[in-house]
Amino acid sequence: MGYYGGFKYAFHNDKKPKHRDLYIGALFASALNERAGYDQGILAGVMDYRIYVPIGLKKQTNNFYRAPEMAINWFITGRERANSDFSIFIGYQVGWLF
């Protein structure tokens, strides 16, 4: 459970018939701390806050799109973590624009 918000900027390439856009972004994200114990629920209020900086390539054909993405996830809370405050994520998004 969590939320995020921020922006992504796409470098549009209108010369390609199949839209391909490289994008970067910066988002603020919050999610339940994994040590809080999920049985306590969201009302426990133990949240991790982080800055999420993605870079990806969105490929669009008609209304269908897919976007492989790599991002740096920087934890701005949770200093007691045993691991580094930075971690790298790899993701893949698919969707339908309407």
C-alpha atoms as a PDB file:
ATOM      1  CA  MET A   1       0.000   0.000   0.000  1.00  0.00           C
ATOM      2  CA  GLY A   2       1.303   3.409  -0.878  1.00  0.00           C
ATOM      3  CA  TYR A   3       1.129   6.371  -3.207  1.00  0.00           C
ATOM      4  CA  TYR A   4       3.377   8.382  -5.511  1.00  0.00           C
ATOM      5  CA  GLY A   5       3.355  11.606  -7.481  1.00  0.00           C
ATOM      6  CA  GLY A   6       5.708  13.608  -9.626  1.00  0.00           C
ATOM      7  CA  PHE A   7       6.514  14.123 -13.280  1.00  0.00           C
ATOM      8  CA  LYS A   8       7.914  12.328 -16.293  1.00  0.00           C
ATOM      9  CA  TYR A   9       9.316  14.189 -19.286  1.00  0.00           C
ATOM     10  CA  ALA A  10       9.227  12.535 -22.724  1.00  0.00           C
ATOM     11  CA  PHE A  11      11.631  13.454 -25.525  1.00  0.00           C
ATOM     12  CA  HIS A  12       9.168  13.096 -28.426  1.00  0.00           C
ATOM     13  CA  ASN A  13      10.365  11.618 -31.686  1.00  0.00           C
ATOM     14  CA  ASP A  14       7.681  12.438 -34.257  1.00  0.00           C
ATOM     15  CA  LYS A  15       9.743  11.063 -37.159  1.00  0.00           C
ATOM     16  CA  LYS A  16       9.040   7.430 -36.244  1.00  0.00           C
ATOM     17  CA  PRO A  17       5.714   5.941 -37.427  1.00  0.00           C
ATOM     18  CA  LYS A  18       5.517   3.869 -34.233  1.00  0.00           C
ATOM     19  CA  HIS A  19       5.818   6.350 -31.408  1.00  0.00           C
ATOM     20  CA  ARG A  20       8.969   5.788 -29.369  1.00  0.00           C
ATOM     21  CA  ASP A  21       9.692   8.196 -26.585  1.00  0.00           C
ATOM     22  CA  LEU A  22      12.626   8.210 -24.230  1.00  0.00           C
ATOM     23  CA  TYR A  23      11.557   9.613 -20.861  1.00  0.00           C
ATOM     24  CA  ILE A  24      13.002  10.585 -17.507  1.00  0.00           C
ATOM     25  CA  GLY A  25      11.257  11.549 -14.314  1.00  0.00           C
ATOM     26  CA  ALA A  26      11.349  12.370 -10.635  1.00  0.00           C
ATOM     27  CA  LEU A  27       8.631  11.123  -8.295  1.00  0.00           C
ATOM     28  CA  PHE A  28       8.004  11.196  -4.559  1.00  0.00           C
ATOM     29  CA  ALA A  29       6.725   7.851  -3.253  1.00  0.00           C
ATOM     30  CA  SER A  30       5.517   6.472   0.043  1.00  0.00           C
ATOM     31  CA  ALA A  31       4.762   2.873   1.014  1.00  0.00           C
ATOM     32  CA  LEU A  32       4.250   0.783   4.120  1.00  0.00           C
ATOM     33  CA  ASN A  33       7.483  -0.121   5.862  1.00  0.00           C
ATOM     34  CA  GLU A  34       8.052  -3.849   5.487  1.00  0.00           C
ATOM     35  CA  ARG A  35       9.089  -4.074   9.170  1.00  0.00           C
ATOM     36  CA  ALA A  36       5.792  -2.573  10.343  1.00  0.00           C
ATOM     37  CA  GLY A  37       4.046  -5.903   9.912  1.00  0.00           C
ATOM     38  CA  TYR A  38       1.285  -6.064   7.371  1.00  0.00           C
ATOM     39  CA  ASP A  39      -1.122  -7.430   9.987  1.00  0.00           C
ATOM     40  CA  GLN A  40      -1.201  -3.973  11.617  1.00  0.00           C
ATOM     41  CA  GLY A  41      -2.636  -2.487   8.456  1.00  0.00           C
ATOM     42  CA  ILE A  42      -2.182   0.973   6.992  1.00  0.00           C
ATOM     43  CA  LEU A  43      -3.381   2.648  10.207  1.00  0.00           C
ATOM     44  CA  ALA A  44      -0.091   1.720  11.906  1.00  0.00           C
ATOM     45  CA  GLY A  45       1.378   4.751  10.109  1.00  0.00           C
ATOM     46  CA  VAL A  46       4.895   3.343   9.656  1.00  0.00           C
ATOM     47  CA  MET A  47       5.753   4.540   6.161  1.00  0.00           C
ATOM     48  CA  ASP A  48       8.946   4.724   4.104  1.00  0.00           C
ATOM     49  CA  TYR A  49       9.416   7.836   1.978  1.00  0.00           C
ATOM     50  CA  ARG A  50      11.555   7.837  -1.133  1.00  0.00           C
ATOM     51  CA  ILE A  51      12.540   9.657  -4.301  1.00  0.00           C
ATOM     52  CA  TYR A  52      12.107   7.570  -7.463  1.00  0.00           C
ATOM     53  CA  VAL A  53      14.080   8.625 -10.579  1.00  0.00           C
ATOM     54  CA  PRO A  54      13.147   6.548 -13.669  1.00  0.00           C
ATOM     55  CA  ILE A  55      14.500   6.464 -17.204  1.00  0.00           C
ATOM     56  CA  GLY A  56      12.640   4.442 -19.805  1.00  0.00           C
ATOM     57  CA  LEU A  57      11.597   3.950 -23.397  1.00  0.00           C
ATOM     58  CA  LYS A  58       7.869   4.044 -24.180  1.00  0.00           C
ATOM     59  CA  LYS A  59       6.870   2.258 -27.398  1.00  0.00           C
ATOM     60  CA  GLN A  60       3.356   2.892 -28.687  1.00  0.00           C
ATOM     61  CA  THR A  61       1.442   1.144 -31.465  1.00  0.00           C
ATOM     62  CA  ASN A  62      -2.040   2.577 -31.988  1.00  0.00           C
ATOM     63  CA  ASN A  63      -3.446   2.795 -28.439  1.00  0.00           C
ATOM     64  CA  PHE A  64      -1.335   0.007 -26.936  1.00  0.00           C
ATOM     65  CA  TYR A  65       1.953   0.875 -25.239  1.00  0.00           C
ATOM     66  CA  ARG A  66       4.794  -0.827 -23.427  1.00  0.00           C
ATOM     67  CA  ALA A  67       7.667   0.745 -21.563  1.00  0.00           C
ATOM     68  CA  PRO A  68      10.759  -0.899 -20.118  1.00  0.00           C
ATOM     69  CA  GLU A  69      12.137   1.218 -17.299  1.00  0.00           C
ATOM     70  CA  MET A  70      15.130   1.404 -14.969  1.00  0.00           C
ATOM     71  CA  ALA A  71      15.114   3.602 -11.888  1.00  0.00           C
ATOM     72  CA  ILE A  72      17.080   4.667  -8.849  1.00  0.00           C
ATOM     73  CA  ASN A  73      15.084   4.465  -5.643  1.00  0.00           C
ATOM     74  CA  TRP A  74      16.473   6.719  -2.869  1.00  0.00           C
ATOM     75  CA  PHE A  75      15.054   6.145   0.620  1.00  0.00           C
ATOM     76  CA  ILE A  76      14.824   9.484   2.448  1.00  0.00           C
ATOM     77  CA  THR A  77      13.566   7.827   5.655  1.00  0.00           C
ATOM     78  CA  GLY A  78      14.380   4.516   7.248  1.00  0.00           C
ATOM     79  CA  ARG A  79      18.001   5.344   8.110  1.00  0.00           C
ATOM     80  CA  GLU A  80      18.124   2.278  10.384  1.00  0.00           C
ATOM     81  CA  ARG A  81      17.956   0.061   7.310  1.00  0.00           C
ATOM     82  CA  ALA A  82      20.709  -2.535   7.107  1.00  0.00           C
ATOM     83  CA  ASN A  83      20.968  -2.075   3.326  1.00  0.00           C
ATOM     84  CA  SER A  84      21.992   0.951   1.313  1.00  0.00           C
ATOM     85  CA  ASP A  85      19.629   3.917   1.036  1.00  0.00           C
ATOM     86  CA  PHE A  86      19.860   3.555  -2.767  1.00  0.00           C
ATOM     87  CA  SER A  87      18.527   0.669  -4.789  1.00  0.00           C
ATOM     88  CA  ILE A  88      18.027   0.059  -8.501  1.00  0.00           C
ATOM     89  CA  PHE A  89      14.717  -1.129  -9.928  1.00  0.00           C
ATOM     90  CA  ILE A  90      13.941  -2.598 -13.324  1.00  0.00           C
ATOM     91  CA  GLY A  91      10.334  -2.614 -14.468  1.00  0.00           C
ATOM     92  CA  TYR A  92       8.064  -3.043 -17.448  1.00  0.00           C
ATOM     93  CA  GLN A  93       4.753  -1.258 -17.995  1.00  0.00           C
ATOM     94  CA  VAL A  94       2.000  -2.152 -20.448  1.00  0.00           C
ATOM     95  CA  GLY A  95      -1.233  -0.322 -21.023  1.00  0.00           C
ATOM     96  CA  TRP A  96      -4.027   0.823 -23.275  1.00  0.00           C
ATOM     97  CA  LEU A  97      -4.630   4.533 -23.951  1.00  0.00           C
ATOM     98  CA  PHE A  98      -8.267   5.585 -24.261  1.00  0.00           C
END
